[in-house]
Protein backbone atom coordinates (compact mmCIF):
# COMPACT_ATOMS: atom_id res chain seq x y z
CA MET A 1 96.22 -21.99 -70.73
CA ARG A 2 96.83 -25.61 -71.60
CA ILE A 3 99.98 -27.24 -70.23
CA ALA A 4 101.22 -30.65 -71.33
CA VAL A 5 103.54 -32.42 -68.88
CA LEU A 6 105.34 -35.22 -70.67
CA GLY A 7 106.53 -37.57 -67.96
CA GLY A 8 104.79 -38.54 -64.74
CA GLY A 9 107.76 -39.24 -62.49
CA VAL A 10 108.53 -37.37 -59.28
CA MET A 11 109.41 -34.07 -60.97
CA GLY A 12 106.51 -34.38 -63.41
CA GLU A 13 104.12 -34.87 -60.52
CA THR A 14 105.74 -32.00 -58.61
CA LEU A 15 105.25 -29.58 -61.49
CA ALA A 16 101.74 -30.76 -62.36
CA SER A 17 100.69 -30.45 -58.71
CA ALA A 18 102.19 -26.97 -58.27
CA LEU A 19 100.83 -25.64 -61.56
CA GLY A 20 97.42 -27.06 -60.72
CA GLN A 21 97.26 -24.71 -57.73
CA ALA A 22 97.73 -21.58 -59.83
CA ASP A 23 94.95 -19.02 -60.19
CA PRO A 24 93.41 -19.33 -62.69
CA VAL A 25 93.94 -23.08 -62.83
CA PRO A 26 95.41 -24.12 -66.18
CA ASP A 27 94.22 -27.11 -68.16
CA ILE A 28 96.89 -29.69 -67.33
CA VAL A 29 97.30 -32.94 -69.24
CA VAL A 30 99.95 -35.50 -68.32
CA ALA A 31 101.49 -38.13 -70.57
CA GLU A 32 102.67 -41.16 -68.58
CA LYS A 33 103.35 -44.51 -70.21
CA ARG A 34 102.90 -46.66 -67.08
CA PRO A 35 99.14 -47.30 -66.69
CA GLU A 36 99.21 -47.74 -62.92
CA ARG A 37 101.20 -44.54 -62.45
CA ALA A 38 98.93 -42.66 -64.83
CA ALA A 39 95.87 -43.77 -62.87
CA GLU A 40 97.54 -42.70 -59.63
CA LEU A 41 98.28 -39.21 -60.99
CA ALA A 42 94.77 -38.80 -62.36
CA GLU A 43 93.25 -39.67 -58.98
CA ARG A 44 95.72 -37.72 -56.84
CA LEU A 45 96.01 -34.53 -58.92
CA GLY A 46 92.79 -34.54 -60.92
CA VAL A 47 94.70 -34.12 -64.18
CA ARG A 48 93.79 -35.59 -67.52
CA ILE A 49 95.94 -38.38 -68.93
CA ALA A 50 96.71 -38.64 -72.63
CA SER A 51 99.26 -40.05 -75.03
CA PRO A 52 102.22 -37.75 -75.72
CA VAL A 53 100.86 -36.88 -79.17
CA ASP A 54 97.42 -36.06 -77.84
CA ALA A 55 98.88 -34.17 -74.88
CA VAL A 56 100.84 -31.69 -77.00
CA ARG A 57 97.95 -31.03 -79.39
CA GLY A 58 96.77 -27.49 -78.68
CA ALA A 59 99.13 -27.05 -75.73
CA ASP A 60 100.42 -23.54 -74.97
CA VAL A 61 103.26 -24.97 -72.88
CA VAL A 62 104.94 -28.37 -73.20
CA ILE A 63 107.17 -29.50 -70.35
CA LEU A 64 109.58 -32.34 -71.11
CA VAL A 65 110.19 -34.23 -67.87
CA VAL A 66 111.64 -37.53 -69.03
CA LYS A 67 115.11 -39.01 -68.62
CA PRO A 68 117.75 -37.50 -70.90
CA GLN A 69 118.25 -40.83 -72.67
CA ASP A 70 114.52 -40.91 -73.51
CA THR A 71 114.23 -37.30 -74.64
CA LEU A 72 115.31 -37.70 -78.26
CA ALA A 73 112.87 -40.57 -78.87
CA LEU A 74 110.07 -38.51 -77.31
CA LEU A 75 110.93 -35.53 -79.50
CA ASP A 76 110.90 -37.79 -82.56
CA GLU A 77 107.37 -38.79 -81.58
CA VAL A 78 105.88 -35.41 -80.71
CA GLY A 79 108.25 -32.69 -81.88
CA ALA A 80 106.61 -32.00 -85.23
CA ARG A 81 103.17 -31.85 -83.57
CA ILE A 82 104.03 -29.09 -81.13
CA GLU A 83 102.35 -25.93 -82.36
CA PRO A 84 104.27 -22.78 -83.38
CA GLY A 85 103.96 -20.06 -80.78
CA SER A 86 103.99 -22.51 -77.88
CA THR A 87 106.76 -22.77 -75.31
CA VAL A 88 108.71 -25.95 -74.65
CA ILE A 89 110.42 -26.24 -71.25
CA SER A 90 112.98 -29.03 -71.27
CA ILE A 91 114.07 -30.42 -67.91
CA ALA A 92 116.22 -33.15 -69.45
CA ALA A 93 119.71 -32.76 -68.02
CA GLY A 94 122.38 -32.27 -70.64
CA ILE A 95 119.98 -31.77 -73.56
CA ARG A 96 120.75 -28.47 -75.24
CA THR A 97 118.12 -26.07 -76.49
CA SER A 98 119.54 -26.40 -80.01
CA THR A 99 118.76 -30.13 -79.93
CA VAL A 100 115.15 -29.46 -78.98
CA GLU A 101 114.84 -26.64 -81.51
CA GLN A 102 115.89 -28.96 -84.32
CA ALA A 103 113.06 -31.36 -83.42
CA VAL A 104 110.21 -28.82 -83.29
CA PRO A 105 108.65 -26.50 -85.88
CA ALA A 106 109.90 -22.97 -86.41
CA GLY A 107 108.21 -20.57 -84.03
CA VAL A 108 108.29 -22.91 -81.04
CA HIS A 109 110.09 -21.24 -78.14
CA VAL A 110 112.50 -23.48 -76.21
CA VAL A 111 113.66 -22.98 -72.62
CA ARG A 112 116.10 -25.26 -70.83
CA ALA A 113 115.60 -25.74 -67.09
CA MET A 114 117.49 -27.45 -64.27
CA PRO A 115 115.45 -27.78 -61.06
CA ASN A 116 116.47 -29.62 -57.91
CA THR A 117 114.63 -32.01 -55.62
CA PRO A 118 113.44 -29.50 -52.96
CA ALA A 119 111.03 -28.36 -55.68
CA SER A 120 108.85 -31.19 -54.37
CA ILE A 121 108.10 -29.05 -51.29
CA GLY A 122 108.10 -25.71 -53.11
CA GLN A 123 111.63 -24.85 -51.98
CA GLY A 124 113.60 -25.65 -55.10
CA VAL A 125 116.08 -23.75 -57.22
CA THR A 126 115.68 -23.83 -61.00
CA GLY A 127 118.18 -22.42 -63.46
CA ILE A 128 116.62 -21.52 -66.82
CA SER A 129 118.14 -20.56 -70.17
CA ALA A 130 116.51 -19.29 -73.34
CA GLY A 131 117.03 -21.01 -76.65
CA ALA A 132 118.23 -19.06 -79.67
CA GLN A 133 114.68 -18.46 -80.93
CA CYS A 134 113.09 -17.80 -77.53
CA PRO A 135 111.70 -14.26 -77.06
CA PRO A 136 111.77 -12.54 -73.65
CA GLU A 137 108.04 -13.08 -73.08
CA ALA A 138 108.40 -16.87 -73.48
CA LEU A 139 111.31 -16.92 -71.03
CA ALA A 140 109.24 -14.83 -68.62
CA LEU A 141 106.38 -17.31 -68.93
CA ALA A 142 108.70 -20.22 -68.12
CA GLU A 143 110.08 -18.30 -65.15
CA ALA A 144 106.61 -17.57 -63.81
CA LEU A 145 105.53 -21.21 -64.12
CA LEU A 146 108.66 -22.64 -62.52
CA ALA A 147 108.52 -20.08 -59.70
CA ARG A 148 105.62 -22.20 -58.42
CA VAL A 149 108.23 -24.64 -57.07
CA GLY A 150 110.84 -22.19 -55.75
CA LEU A 151 113.52 -19.72 -56.76
CA VAL A 152 114.22 -19.29 -60.48
CA VAL A 153 117.48 -17.87 -61.82
CA CYS A 154 118.07 -16.98 -65.49
CA VAL A 155 121.54 -17.82 -66.80
CA PRO A 156 123.18 -18.13 -70.22
CA GLU A 157 122.97 -21.71 -71.42
CA GLU A 158 126.75 -22.17 -71.22
CA LEU A 159 126.39 -21.82 -67.43
CA GLN A 160 123.82 -24.60 -67.08
CA ASP A 161 126.62 -27.02 -66.17
CA ALA A 162 127.53 -24.73 -63.29
CA VAL A 163 123.87 -24.61 -62.23
CA THR A 164 123.86 -28.41 -62.23
CA ALA A 165 126.97 -28.48 -60.04
CA VAL A 166 125.80 -25.87 -57.53
CA SER A 167 122.05 -26.35 -57.12
CA GLY A 168 121.05 -29.33 -59.25
CA SER A 169 123.34 -31.68 -57.33
CA GLY A 170 123.49 -29.37 -54.32
CA PRO A 171 120.92 -31.09 -52.08
CA ALA A 172 123.05 -34.25 -52.13
CA TYR A 173 125.99 -32.32 -50.67
CA LEU A 174 123.88 -31.18 -47.73
CA PHE A 175 122.48 -34.67 -47.23
CA TYR A 176 126.06 -35.98 -47.25
CA LEU A 177 127.03 -33.48 -44.55
CA ALA A 178 123.94 -34.36 -42.51
CA GLU A 179 124.75 -38.05 -42.85
CA GLY A 180 128.23 -37.47 -41.44
CA MET A 181 127.01 -35.23 -38.62
CA VAL A 182 124.36 -37.76 -37.51
CA ALA A 183 126.92 -40.57 -37.56
CA ALA A 184 129.34 -38.46 -35.53
CA GLY A 185 126.62 -37.62 -33.03
CA ARG A 186 125.94 -41.31 -32.54
CA ASP A 187 129.65 -41.96 -32.08
CA LEU A 188 129.65 -39.28 -29.38
CA GLY A 189 126.88 -41.06 -27.49
CA LEU A 190 123.64 -39.51 -28.75
CA GLU A 191 120.67 -41.68 -29.66
CA ALA A 192 120.21 -41.95 -33.43
CA GLU A 193 116.81 -40.21 -33.44
CA VAL A 194 118.03 -37.43 -31.18
CA ALA A 195 121.13 -36.90 -33.33
CA ARG A 196 119.01 -36.75 -36.48
CA ASP A 197 116.56 -34.25 -35.03
CA MET A 198 119.39 -32.04 -33.79
CA VAL A 199 121.24 -32.13 -37.12
CA VAL A 200 118.13 -31.47 -39.21
CA GLN A 201 117.04 -28.48 -37.13
CA THR A 202 120.58 -27.13 -36.99
CA LEU A 203 120.85 -27.23 -40.78
CA VAL A 204 117.37 -25.76 -41.28
CA GLY A 205 117.98 -23.02 -38.72
CA ALA A 206 121.39 -22.13 -40.12
CA ALA A 207 119.99 -21.98 -43.67
CA LEU A 208 117.14 -19.70 -42.58
CA LEU A 209 119.56 -17.49 -40.67
CA LEU A 210 121.78 -17.21 -43.73
CA GLN A 211 118.75 -16.37 -45.86
CA ALA A 212 117.53 -13.71 -43.44
CA SER A 213 120.92 -12.15 -42.70
CA GLN A 214 122.55 -9.29 -44.54
CA GLU A 215 125.92 -10.93 -43.84
CA ASP A 216 127.54 -13.56 -46.02
CA ALA A 217 128.29 -17.12 -44.92
CA ALA A 218 131.92 -16.33 -44.06
CA GLU A 219 130.91 -13.55 -41.64
CA LEU A 220 128.23 -15.66 -39.97
CA ARG A 221 130.79 -18.44 -39.52
CA ARG A 222 133.26 -16.01 -37.96
CA ARG A 223 130.64 -14.84 -35.46
CA VAL A 224 130.15 -18.40 -34.22
CA THR A 225 133.87 -19.16 -34.07
CA SER A 226 135.31 -17.83 -30.81
CA PRO A 227 139.12 -17.90 -30.66
CA GLN A 228 140.36 -21.15 -29.12
CA GLY A 229 136.77 -22.31 -28.63
CA THR A 230 134.98 -25.51 -29.63
CA THR A 231 133.89 -24.25 -33.04
CA ALA A 232 137.42 -23.04 -33.76
CA ALA A 233 138.70 -26.54 -32.99
CA ALA A 234 136.20 -28.05 -35.42
CA ILE A 235 136.81 -25.52 -38.22
CA GLY A 236 140.56 -25.85 -37.77
CA THR A 237 140.26 -29.60 -38.24
CA LEU A 238 138.17 -29.12 -41.38
CA ASP A 239 140.77 -26.70 -42.74
CA ASP A 240 143.60 -29.11 -41.92
CA LEU A 241 141.75 -31.83 -43.84
CA GLY A 242 141.29 -29.54 -46.83
CA VAL A 243 137.49 -29.60 -46.76
CA GLY A 244 137.16 -26.19 -48.42
CA ASP A 245 139.36 -27.26 -51.32
CA ALA A 246 137.48 -30.57 -51.51
CA VAL A 247 134.16 -28.74 -51.87
CA ARG A 248 135.51 -26.65 -54.76
CA ALA A 249 136.96 -29.75 -56.39
CA ALA A 250 133.68 -31.63 -55.97
CA LEU A 251 131.61 -28.90 -57.64
CA THR A 252 134.15 -28.62 -60.45
CA ALA A 253 133.93 -32.39 -60.98
CA ALA A 254 130.13 -32.16 -61.13
CA ARG A 255 130.36 -29.29 -63.63
CA ASP A 256 132.82 -31.24 -65.78
CA ARG A 257 130.66 -34.36 -65.73
CA SER A 258 127.65 -32.31 -66.76
CA ARG A 259 129.64 -31.01 -69.71
CA GLU A 260 130.59 -34.55 -70.70
CA LEU A 261 126.97 -35.70 -70.56
CA SER A 262 125.85 -32.82 -72.76
CA GLY A 263 128.62 -33.46 -75.27
CA GLY A 264 130.45 -30.26 -74.41
């Protein structure tokens, strides 16, 4: 299998690296316009570097990993040269499958994907959606490839804005919480490094517990919250400040902004 990765940024490198560890190893070619970055990727990953046009020639899978504002120009350059029967996976936020389909020949199968940054350590979440002309086997291929960097969920394309709000932007919410917890720990007298280590392990441990448990988050929270105890005091304060409502409002705002960016 030949895979063309168009874009050598962080996510492009993440995907090229993960796919390069598959068995059997696919033929991976990366298109990256910055010479120094291209040389770095070639040395680090052992991939071939080519122009976008040369990269898509003969490719079974083409992965678009450029900024949304650069996607249309890239499609103008290479779209007509992508071969019928191949699968295009677009990771450009806000770019609809119909837009990609209009730029490629009939018979090219288009899948839209929204990964998140933990993909860089193989712990990501990617929401994928099939284009109108995408058969089940092409969607399954995209799912199998993207599973190399974490969990993959298949959703109707109209829910991609919700995917963006929940998991695409999701890591930033956790980082925001961690930032506040570390700052609070310092205010309470802990050394900065100690506070950071405690917060990181607490978040990691809680996430793993939630993953391993048969109970939902609400039940696990209740088990930690003894009546009139320290956790109850903290949760009560969060409730008084409307944190739960703020979280829902924040995700709705992210969903709405995603819709605006995609012209919806």
